[in-house]
Amino acid sequence: MTDPLQGVERFAILVAGLVAIFLLARSSWVDNALSRAIAWALKRYSDLDTRDYAGLLHLAGDYAIMELEVQKEGWLAGKRLEELRLADEGILVLGMTSPDGSYIGAPRGETVIEPGQILILYGQSPSLAELGSRKSGKSGERAHKRATSKQKKIEKEEAKGSAG
């Protein structure tokens, strides 16, 4: 028969191990060391160019990159990029993938957004999330106007901050 204390000891060791893994995963020192080790290994054993893309893009605060699948009933579907005026909302379209797998990097204004395409977007997380749930029609147009007004306020605040 198994001693009940052995079960408690094993459980305690398991919990301690999980806590240690959790603490290591949150450690910036471990993150930096692993990043350096991975970069060194990739440089030595592959042709891959490694970069800290979050750092390159200055992703801080609420800014993020997101993939968004265009829905048939969504506000984006069937419109040209220039017509959407996403930049007025502080959102940039970095690229798009069609359902057939073809990719367009930095699409231009005349590009039509079709259902099923996946857009790669850059902007503030709340704005990106709202865009993803925006429906077509008048409610979508009102949401676009609200988002545009909000972005203008953000730009004014940023201009005040950099001027002062």
N, C-alpha and C. Protein backbone atom coordinates (compact mmCIF):
# COMPACT_ATOMS: atom_id res chain seq x y z
N MET A 1 0.84 -1.18 0.00
CA MET A 1 0.00 0.00 0.00
C MET A 1 0.89 1.25 0.00
N THR A 2 0.45 2.28 -0.65
CA THR A 2 1.23 3.50 -0.77
C THR A 2 1.02 4.38 0.45
N ASP A 3 2.12 4.97 0.88
CA ASP A 3 2.07 5.88 2.02
C ASP A 3 1.42 7.19 1.60
N PRO A 4 0.39 7.70 2.29
CA PRO A 4 -0.27 8.95 1.91
C PRO A 4 0.68 10.15 1.91
N LEU A 5 1.72 10.09 2.74
CA LEU A 5 2.67 11.19 2.77
C LEU A 5 3.47 11.28 1.48
N GLN A 6 3.72 10.14 0.83
CA GLN A 6 4.42 10.17 -0.45
C GLN A 6 3.59 10.93 -1.49
N GLY A 7 2.29 10.74 -1.49
CA GLY A 7 1.41 11.46 -2.42
C GLY A 7 1.44 12.95 -2.16
N VAL A 8 1.44 13.35 -0.90
CA VAL A 8 1.49 14.77 -0.54
C VAL A 8 2.83 15.35 -0.96
N GLU A 9 3.91 14.61 -0.74
CA GLU A 9 5.24 15.08 -1.13
C GLU A 9 5.32 15.26 -2.64
N ARG A 10 4.81 14.31 -3.39
CA ARG A 10 4.83 14.41 -4.86
C ARG A 10 4.02 15.62 -5.32
N PHE A 11 2.88 15.83 -4.71
CA PHE A 11 2.04 16.97 -5.06
C PHE A 11 2.77 18.28 -4.75
N ALA A 12 3.42 18.35 -3.59
CA ALA A 12 4.15 19.56 -3.21
C ALA A 12 5.30 19.81 -4.19
N ILE A 13 6.00 18.77 -4.60
CA ILE A 13 7.09 18.92 -5.57
C ILE A 13 6.54 19.40 -6.91
N LEU A 14 5.41 18.85 -7.32
CA LEU A 14 4.78 19.26 -8.57
C LEU A 14 4.39 20.74 -8.52
N VAL A 15 3.76 21.17 -7.44
CA VAL A 15 3.35 22.57 -7.29
C VAL A 15 4.58 23.47 -7.27
N ALA A 16 5.61 23.09 -6.54
CA ALA A 16 6.83 23.89 -6.48
C ALA A 16 7.47 24.01 -7.86
N GLY A 17 7.47 22.93 -8.62
CA GLY A 17 8.02 22.95 -9.97
C GLY A 17 7.23 23.88 -10.89
N LEU A 18 5.90 23.83 -10.78
CA LEU A 18 5.06 24.71 -11.60
C LEU A 18 5.27 26.17 -11.24
N VAL A 19 5.40 26.46 -9.96
CA VAL A 19 5.66 27.84 -9.52
C VAL A 19 7.02 28.31 -10.05
N ALA A 20 8.02 27.44 -10.00
CA ALA A 20 9.34 27.80 -10.50
C ALA A 20 9.30 28.07 -12.01
N ILE A 21 8.60 27.23 -12.76
CA ILE A 21 8.47 27.45 -14.20
C ILE A 21 7.75 28.76 -14.48
N PHE A 22 6.69 29.04 -13.74
CA PHE A 22 5.94 30.29 -13.90
C PHE A 22 6.84 31.50 -13.65
N LEU A 23 7.61 31.46 -12.57
CA LEU A 23 8.49 32.57 -12.24
C LEU A 23 9.59 32.75 -13.30
N LEU A 24 10.13 31.64 -13.79
CA LEU A 24 11.16 31.73 -14.84
C LEU A 24 10.57 32.31 -16.13
N ALA A 25 9.34 31.91 -16.46
CA ALA A 25 8.70 32.39 -17.68
C ALA A 25 8.45 33.90 -17.63
N ARG A 26 8.26 34.45 -16.45
CA ARG A 26 7.99 35.88 -16.29
C ARG A 26 9.26 36.70 -16.08
N SER A 27 10.39 36.06 -16.00
CA SER A 27 11.66 36.73 -15.72
C SER A 27 12.21 37.42 -16.96
N SER A 28 12.47 38.72 -16.87
CA SER A 28 13.06 39.44 -18.00
C SER A 28 14.49 38.97 -18.25
N TRP A 29 15.20 38.57 -17.20
CA TRP A 29 16.55 38.07 -17.36
C TRP A 29 16.54 36.80 -18.21
N VAL A 30 15.63 35.87 -17.89
CA VAL A 30 15.52 34.62 -18.65
C VAL A 30 15.10 34.94 -20.09
N ASP A 31 14.15 35.86 -20.26
CA ASP A 31 13.70 36.24 -21.60
C ASP A 31 14.85 36.79 -22.43
N ASN A 32 15.64 37.68 -21.86
CA ASN A 32 16.79 38.25 -22.57
C ASN A 32 17.83 37.18 -22.91
N ALA A 33 18.10 36.30 -21.95
CA ALA A 33 19.08 35.24 -22.18
C ALA A 33 18.61 34.30 -23.29
N LEU A 34 17.35 33.91 -23.25
CA LEU A 34 16.82 33.02 -24.30
C LEU A 34 16.80 33.73 -25.65
N SER A 35 16.44 34.99 -25.68
CA SER A 35 16.43 35.74 -26.94
C SER A 35 17.82 35.79 -27.55
N ARG A 36 18.83 36.07 -26.72
CA ARG A 36 20.21 36.09 -27.22
C ARG A 36 20.64 34.71 -27.72
N ALA A 37 20.29 33.65 -26.98
CA ALA A 37 20.66 32.29 -27.37
C ALA A 37 19.98 31.89 -28.69
N ILE A 38 18.72 32.22 -28.84
CA ILE A 38 18.00 31.90 -30.07
C ILE A 38 18.56 32.68 -31.25
N ALA A 39 18.83 33.97 -31.04
CA ALA A 39 19.41 34.80 -32.11
C ALA A 39 20.77 34.25 -32.53
N TRP A 40 21.60 33.85 -31.56
CA TRP A 40 22.92 33.29 -31.87
C TRP A 40 22.77 32.00 -32.67
N ALA A 41 21.87 31.11 -32.23
CA ALA A 41 21.68 29.82 -32.92
C ALA A 41 21.14 30.03 -34.34
N LEU A 42 20.20 30.95 -34.50
CA LEU A 42 19.66 31.21 -35.83
C LEU A 42 20.72 31.80 -36.75
N LYS A 43 21.54 32.69 -36.21
CA LYS A 43 22.59 33.31 -37.01
C LYS A 43 23.64 32.28 -37.42
N ARG A 44 23.96 31.39 -36.50
CA ARG A 44 25.01 30.40 -36.76
C ARG A 44 24.53 29.28 -37.68
N TYR A 45 23.29 28.81 -37.49
CA TYR A 45 22.84 27.60 -38.18
C TYR A 45 21.78 27.84 -39.26
N SER A 46 21.41 29.09 -39.53
CA SER A 46 20.39 29.32 -40.56
C SER A 46 20.64 30.65 -41.26
N ASP A 47 19.82 30.89 -42.28
CA ASP A 47 19.89 32.15 -43.01
C ASP A 47 18.82 33.13 -42.55
N LEU A 48 18.08 32.79 -41.52
CA LEU A 48 17.00 33.65 -41.05
C LEU A 48 17.55 34.91 -40.41
N ASP A 49 16.92 36.03 -40.72
CA ASP A 49 17.30 37.31 -40.14
C ASP A 49 16.40 37.55 -38.93
N THR A 50 16.98 37.63 -37.75
CA THR A 50 16.17 37.81 -36.55
C THR A 50 16.15 39.27 -36.15
N ARG A 51 14.96 39.70 -35.78
CA ARG A 51 14.79 41.07 -35.31
C ARG A 51 13.73 41.07 -34.23
N ASP A 52 13.80 42.02 -33.38
CA ASP A 52 12.76 42.23 -32.38
C ASP A 52 11.71 43.11 -33.03
N TYR A 53 10.71 42.49 -33.67
CA TYR A 53 9.73 43.25 -34.42
C TYR A 53 8.89 44.15 -33.52
N ALA A 54 8.61 43.72 -32.32
CA ALA A 54 7.86 44.59 -31.40
C ALA A 54 8.67 45.85 -31.13
N GLY A 55 9.97 45.69 -30.95
CA GLY A 55 10.83 46.85 -30.73
C GLY A 55 10.96 47.72 -31.97
N LEU A 56 11.10 47.06 -33.14
CA LEU A 56 11.21 47.80 -34.39
C LEU A 56 9.98 48.65 -34.65
N LEU A 57 8.81 48.10 -34.37
CA LEU A 57 7.57 48.81 -34.62
C LEU A 57 7.17 49.71 -33.46
N HIS A 58 7.96 49.70 -32.41
CA HIS A 58 7.67 50.49 -31.22
C HIS A 58 6.28 50.16 -30.68
N LEU A 59 5.98 48.86 -30.64
CA LEU A 59 4.70 48.44 -30.10
C LEU A 59 4.73 48.65 -28.61
N ALA A 60 4.03 49.63 -28.16
CA ALA A 60 3.97 49.95 -26.74
C ALA A 60 2.57 50.41 -26.43
N GLY A 61 2.26 50.42 -25.18
CA GLY A 61 0.94 50.86 -24.78
C GLY A 61 -0.13 50.00 -25.40
N ASP A 62 -1.08 50.65 -26.07
CA ASP A 62 -2.20 49.93 -26.67
C ASP A 62 -1.96 49.51 -28.11
N TYR A 63 -0.81 49.79 -28.69
CA TYR A 63 -0.60 49.50 -30.10
C TYR A 63 -0.31 48.02 -30.32
N ALA A 64 -0.85 47.49 -31.43
CA ALA A 64 -0.70 46.07 -31.70
C ALA A 64 -0.79 45.83 -33.20
N ILE A 65 -0.40 44.63 -33.60
CA ILE A 65 -0.61 44.14 -34.95
C ILE A 65 -1.62 43.01 -34.83
N MET A 66 -2.59 43.01 -35.74
CA MET A 66 -3.67 42.03 -35.64
C MET A 66 -4.02 41.51 -37.03
N GLU A 67 -4.38 40.24 -37.09
CA GLU A 67 -4.96 39.68 -38.30
C GLU A 67 -6.47 39.72 -38.15
N LEU A 68 -7.15 40.16 -39.19
CA LEU A 68 -8.60 40.27 -39.15
C LEU A 68 -9.18 39.65 -40.41
N GLU A 69 -10.02 38.64 -40.23
CA GLU A 69 -10.70 38.05 -41.38
C GLU A 69 -11.91 38.90 -41.72
N VAL A 70 -12.02 39.28 -42.98
CA VAL A 70 -13.13 40.12 -43.44
C VAL A 70 -14.39 39.26 -43.54
N GLN A 71 -15.42 39.71 -42.85
CA GLN A 71 -16.70 38.99 -42.83
C GLN A 71 -17.62 39.53 -43.92
N LYS A 72 -18.48 38.67 -44.44
CA LYS A 72 -19.40 39.04 -45.51
C LYS A 72 -20.30 40.21 -45.11
N GLU A 73 -20.77 40.20 -43.87
CA GLU A 73 -21.67 41.26 -43.39
C GLU A 73 -20.91 42.40 -42.70
N GLY A 74 -19.60 42.36 -42.75
CA GLY A 74 -18.78 43.37 -42.08
C GLY A 74 -18.69 44.68 -42.85
N TRP A 75 -18.33 45.71 -42.16
CA TRP A 75 -18.23 47.05 -42.72
C TRP A 75 -17.16 47.16 -43.80
N LEU A 76 -16.12 46.36 -43.71
CA LEU A 76 -15.00 46.43 -44.65
C LEU A 76 -15.31 45.81 -46.01
N ALA A 77 -16.18 44.82 -46.04
CA ALA A 77 -16.40 43.99 -47.23
C ALA A 77 -16.92 44.78 -48.42
N GLY A 78 -16.28 44.54 -49.57
CA GLY A 78 -16.74 45.12 -50.82
C GLY A 78 -16.32 46.55 -51.06
N LYS A 79 -15.48 47.11 -50.21
CA LYS A 79 -15.07 48.51 -50.36
C LYS A 79 -13.59 48.60 -50.73
N ARG A 80 -13.24 49.72 -51.38
CA ARG A 80 -11.84 49.99 -51.68
C ARG A 80 -11.18 50.57 -50.43
N LEU A 81 -9.90 50.32 -50.28
CA LEU A 81 -9.17 50.83 -49.11
C LEU A 81 -9.29 52.35 -48.99
N GLU A 82 -9.16 53.06 -50.11
CA GLU A 82 -9.23 54.52 -50.04
C GLU A 82 -10.61 54.98 -49.57
N GLU A 83 -11.63 54.23 -49.87
CA GLU A 83 -13.00 54.55 -49.46
C GLU A 83 -13.18 54.35 -47.95
N LEU A 84 -12.48 53.38 -47.39
CA LEU A 84 -12.60 53.08 -45.96
C LEU A 84 -11.95 54.15 -45.07
N ARG A 85 -10.89 54.76 -45.57
CA ARG A 85 -10.17 55.80 -44.82
C ARG A 85 -9.78 55.33 -43.41
N LEU A 86 -9.19 54.16 -43.34
CA LEU A 86 -8.79 53.58 -42.06
C LEU A 86 -7.69 54.40 -41.39
N ALA A 87 -6.85 55.05 -42.16
CA ALA A 87 -5.79 55.87 -41.58
C ALA A 87 -6.37 56.99 -40.73
N ASP A 88 -7.57 57.46 -41.09
CA ASP A 88 -8.23 58.50 -40.29
C ASP A 88 -8.59 57.99 -38.90
N GLU A 89 -8.68 56.66 -38.77
CA GLU A 89 -8.96 56.03 -37.48
C GLU A 89 -7.67 55.63 -36.77
N GLY A 90 -6.52 55.87 -37.41
CA GLY A 90 -5.24 55.47 -36.82
C GLY A 90 -4.90 54.02 -37.10
N ILE A 91 -5.50 53.45 -38.13
CA ILE A 91 -5.27 52.04 -38.48
C ILE A 91 -4.58 51.97 -39.83
N LEU A 92 -3.51 51.20 -39.89
CA LEU A 92 -2.77 50.98 -41.14
C LEU A 92 -2.95 49.54 -41.58
N VAL A 93 -3.15 49.35 -42.89
CA VAL A 93 -3.21 48.01 -43.47
C VAL A 93 -1.81 47.67 -43.96
N LEU A 94 -1.19 46.71 -43.30
CA LEU A 94 0.18 46.32 -43.65
C LEU A 94 0.23 45.31 -44.78
N GLY A 95 -0.80 44.48 -44.87
CA GLY A 95 -0.84 43.45 -45.90
C GLY A 95 -2.17 42.73 -45.86
N MET A 96 -2.37 41.86 -46.85
CA MET A 96 -3.60 41.09 -46.89
C MET A 96 -3.36 39.77 -47.62
N THR A 97 -4.04 38.74 -47.13
CA THR A 97 -3.97 37.42 -47.74
C THR A 97 -5.35 37.05 -48.24
N SER A 98 -5.42 36.62 -49.50
CA SER A 98 -6.69 36.21 -50.09
C SER A 98 -6.97 34.75 -49.74
N PRO A 99 -8.23 34.33 -49.85
CA PRO A 99 -8.55 32.93 -49.55
C PRO A 99 -7.75 31.92 -50.39
N ASP A 100 -7.31 32.32 -51.59
CA ASP A 100 -6.51 31.42 -52.42
C ASP A 100 -5.04 31.36 -51.98
N GLY A 101 -4.68 32.16 -50.95
CA GLY A 101 -3.32 32.13 -50.41
C GLY A 101 -2.41 33.21 -50.95
N SER A 102 -2.86 33.97 -51.96
CA SER A 102 -2.00 35.03 -52.49
C SER A 102 -1.92 36.17 -51.48
N TYR A 103 -0.78 36.83 -51.47
CA TYR A 103 -0.50 37.88 -50.49
C TYR A 103 -0.20 39.20 -51.20
N ILE A 104 -0.76 40.28 -50.67
CA ILE A 104 -0.46 41.62 -51.16
C ILE A 104 0.13 42.39 -49.98
N GLY A 105 1.37 42.82 -50.13
CA GLY A 105 2.00 43.63 -49.09
C GLY A 105 1.74 45.10 -49.35
N ALA A 106 1.46 45.85 -48.31
CA ALA A 106 1.18 47.28 -48.40
C ALA A 106 0.19 47.59 -49.53
N PRO A 107 -1.03 47.07 -49.42
CA PRO A 107 -2.01 47.30 -50.49
C PRO A 107 -2.33 48.77 -50.67
N ARG A 108 -2.62 49.14 -51.88
CA ARG A 108 -2.89 50.54 -52.24
C ARG A 108 -4.38 50.84 -52.13
N GLY A 109 -4.71 52.11 -52.28
CA GLY A 109 -6.07 52.60 -52.10
C GLY A 109 -7.12 51.99 -52.99
N GLU A 110 -6.74 51.59 -54.21
CA GLU A 110 -7.73 51.04 -55.13
C GLU A 110 -8.03 49.56 -54.86
N THR A 111 -7.30 48.95 -53.95
CA THR A 111 -7.50 47.54 -53.61
C THR A 111 -8.87 47.35 -52.96
N VAL A 112 -9.64 46.40 -53.49
CA VAL A 112 -10.97 46.11 -52.95
C VAL A 112 -10.85 45.02 -51.89
N ILE A 113 -11.49 45.25 -50.76
CA ILE A 113 -11.49 44.29 -49.66
C ILE A 113 -12.66 43.34 -49.85
N GLU A 114 -12.36 42.05 -49.90
CA GLU A 114 -13.38 41.04 -50.14
C GLU A 114 -13.55 40.12 -48.92
N PRO A 115 -14.76 39.61 -48.72
CA PRO A 115 -14.98 38.65 -47.62
C PRO A 115 -14.02 37.46 -47.75
N GLY A 116 -13.54 37.00 -46.62
CA GLY A 116 -12.61 35.87 -46.59
C GLY A 116 -11.16 36.28 -46.61
N GLN A 117 -10.87 37.50 -47.01
CA GLN A 117 -9.48 37.97 -46.97
C GLN A 117 -9.07 38.18 -45.52
N ILE A 118 -7.79 38.04 -45.28
CA ILE A 118 -7.25 38.30 -43.94
C ILE A 118 -6.37 39.54 -44.05
N LEU A 119 -6.74 40.57 -43.30
CA LEU A 119 -5.98 41.81 -43.29
C LEU A 119 -5.00 41.80 -42.13
N ILE A 120 -3.82 42.32 -42.34
CA ILE A 120 -2.85 42.49 -41.27
C ILE A 120 -2.86 43.98 -40.97
N LEU A 121 -3.30 44.32 -39.76
CA LEU A 121 -3.56 45.70 -39.38
C LEU A 121 -2.65 46.13 -38.23
N TYR A 122 -2.32 47.41 -38.20
CA TYR A 122 -1.55 48.01 -37.12
C TYR A 122 -2.35 49.18 -36.58
N GLY A 123 -2.49 49.25 -35.27
CA GLY A 123 -3.20 50.36 -34.65
C GLY A 123 -3.37 50.10 -33.17
N GLN A 124 -4.19 50.92 -32.53
CA GLN A 124 -4.46 50.71 -31.11
C GLN A 124 -5.42 49.54 -30.94
N SER A 125 -5.13 48.69 -29.97
CA SER A 125 -5.90 47.46 -29.77
C SER A 125 -7.41 47.69 -29.68
N PRO A 126 -7.88 48.68 -28.91
CA PRO A 126 -9.34 48.88 -28.85
C PRO A 126 -9.93 49.25 -30.22
N SER A 127 -9.21 50.03 -30.99
CA SER A 127 -9.70 50.41 -32.33
C SER A 127 -9.75 49.20 -33.25
N LEU A 128 -8.73 48.35 -33.17
CA LEU A 128 -8.70 47.15 -34.00
C LEU A 128 -9.84 46.20 -33.63
N ALA A 129 -10.08 46.05 -32.33
CA ALA A 129 -11.16 45.17 -31.87
C ALA A 129 -12.51 45.69 -32.34
N GLU A 130 -12.72 46.99 -32.24
CA GLU A 130 -13.99 47.58 -32.67
C GLU A 130 -14.18 47.39 -34.17
N LEU A 131 -13.13 47.59 -34.94
CA LEU A 131 -13.20 47.42 -36.39
C LEU A 131 -13.59 45.98 -36.74
N GLY A 132 -13.06 45.04 -36.01
CA GLY A 132 -13.35 43.63 -36.27
C GLY A 132 -14.81 43.27 -36.06
N SER A 133 -15.51 44.00 -35.22
CA SER A 133 -16.92 43.68 -34.96
C SER A 133 -17.89 44.64 -35.65
N ARG A 134 -17.36 45.58 -36.41
CA ARG A 134 -18.19 46.60 -37.05
C ARG A 134 -19.00 46.00 -38.21
N LYS A 135 -20.30 46.26 -38.21
CA LYS A 135 -21.21 45.76 -39.25
C LYS A 135 -21.37 46.80 -40.35
N SER A 136 -21.83 46.34 -41.50
CA SER A 136 -22.05 47.24 -42.63
C SER A 136 -23.29 48.10 -42.38
N GLY A 137 -23.48 49.09 -43.23
CA GLY A 137 -24.65 49.94 -43.14
C GLY A 137 -24.40 51.20 -42.34
N LYS A 138 -25.50 51.84 -41.95
CA LYS A 138 -25.42 53.13 -41.25
C LYS A 138 -24.73 53.02 -39.90
N SER A 139 -24.94 51.92 -39.19
CA SER A 139 -24.29 51.77 -37.89
C SER A 139 -22.77 51.69 -38.06
N GLY A 140 -22.31 51.05 -39.13
CA GLY A 140 -20.89 50.99 -39.41
C GLY A 140 -20.31 52.34 -39.75
N GLU A 141 -21.09 53.14 -40.51
CA GLU A 141 -20.63 54.49 -40.86
C GLU A 141 -20.56 55.37 -39.62
N ARG A 142 -21.53 55.24 -38.72
CA ARG A 142 -21.50 56.01 -37.46
C ARG A 142 -20.29 55.60 -36.62
N ALA A 143 -20.03 54.31 -36.57
CA ALA A 143 -18.87 53.83 -35.81
C ALA A 143 -17.57 54.37 -36.40
N HIS A 144 -17.50 54.45 -37.73
CA HIS A 144 -16.32 55.00 -38.39
C HIS A 144 -16.14 56.48 -38.01
N LYS A 145 -17.22 57.24 -38.00
CA LYS A 145 -17.14 58.66 -37.63
C LYS A 145 -16.69 58.82 -36.18
N ARG A 146 -17.21 57.98 -35.28
CA ARG A 146 -16.79 58.04 -33.87
C ARG A 146 -15.31 57.72 -33.75
N ALA A 147 -14.87 56.69 -34.46
CA ALA A 147 -13.46 56.28 -34.39
C ALA A 147 -12.56 57.36 -34.96
N THR A 148 -13.01 58.04 -36.02
CA THR A 148 -12.23 59.12 -36.61
C THR A 148 -12.11 60.29 -35.63
N SER A 149 -13.22 60.64 -34.97
CA SER A 149 -13.18 61.73 -33.98
C SER A 149 -12.26 61.37 -32.82
N LYS A 150 -12.34 60.15 -32.38
CA LYS A 150 -11.48 59.69 -31.28
C LYS A 150 -10.01 59.78 -31.67
N GLN A 151 -9.70 59.39 -32.90
CA GLN A 151 -8.31 59.45 -33.36
C GLN A 151 -7.82 60.89 -33.46
N LYS A 152 -8.67 61.81 -33.88
CA LYS A 152 -8.27 63.22 -33.95
C LYS A 152 -7.93 63.75 -32.57
N LYS A 153 -8.71 63.35 -31.56
CA LYS A 153 -8.42 63.75 -30.18
C LYS A 153 -7.08 63.19 -29.73
N ILE A 154 -6.83 61.94 -30.04
CA ILE A 154 -5.56 61.30 -29.68
C ILE A 154 -4.39 62.05 -30.32
N GLU A 155 -4.54 62.39 -31.60
CA GLU A 155 -3.48 63.10 -32.31
C GLU A 155 -3.23 64.47 -31.71
N LYS A 156 -4.31 65.18 -31.29
CA LYS A 156 -4.14 66.49 -30.64
C LYS A 156 -3.38 66.33 -29.33
N GLU A 157 -3.75 65.32 -28.53
CA GLU A 157 -3.06 65.07 -27.26
C GLU A 157 -1.58 64.75 -27.49
N GLU A 158 -1.32 63.93 -28.49
CA GLU A 158 0.08 63.58 -28.79
C GLU A 158 0.86 64.80 -29.25
N ALA A 159 0.21 65.67 -30.03
CA ALA A 159 0.87 66.89 -30.50
C ALA A 159 1.17 67.82 -29.33
N LYS A 160 0.24 67.93 -28.38
CA LYS A 160 0.47 68.75 -27.18
C LYS A 160 1.64 68.20 -26.38
N GLY A 161 1.66 66.87 -26.25
CA GLY A 161 2.72 66.22 -25.46
C GLY A 161 4.09 66.40 -26.07
N SER A 162 4.19 66.36 -27.39
CA SER A 162 5.50 66.49 -28.03
C SER A 162 5.92 67.97 -28.14
N ALA A 163 4.95 68.88 -28.11
CA ALA A 163 5.29 70.31 -28.19
C ALA A 163 5.73 70.86 -26.83
N GLY A 164 5.25 70.24 -25.76
CA GLY A 164 5.51 70.78 -24.43
C GLY A 164 6.60 70.12 -23.75
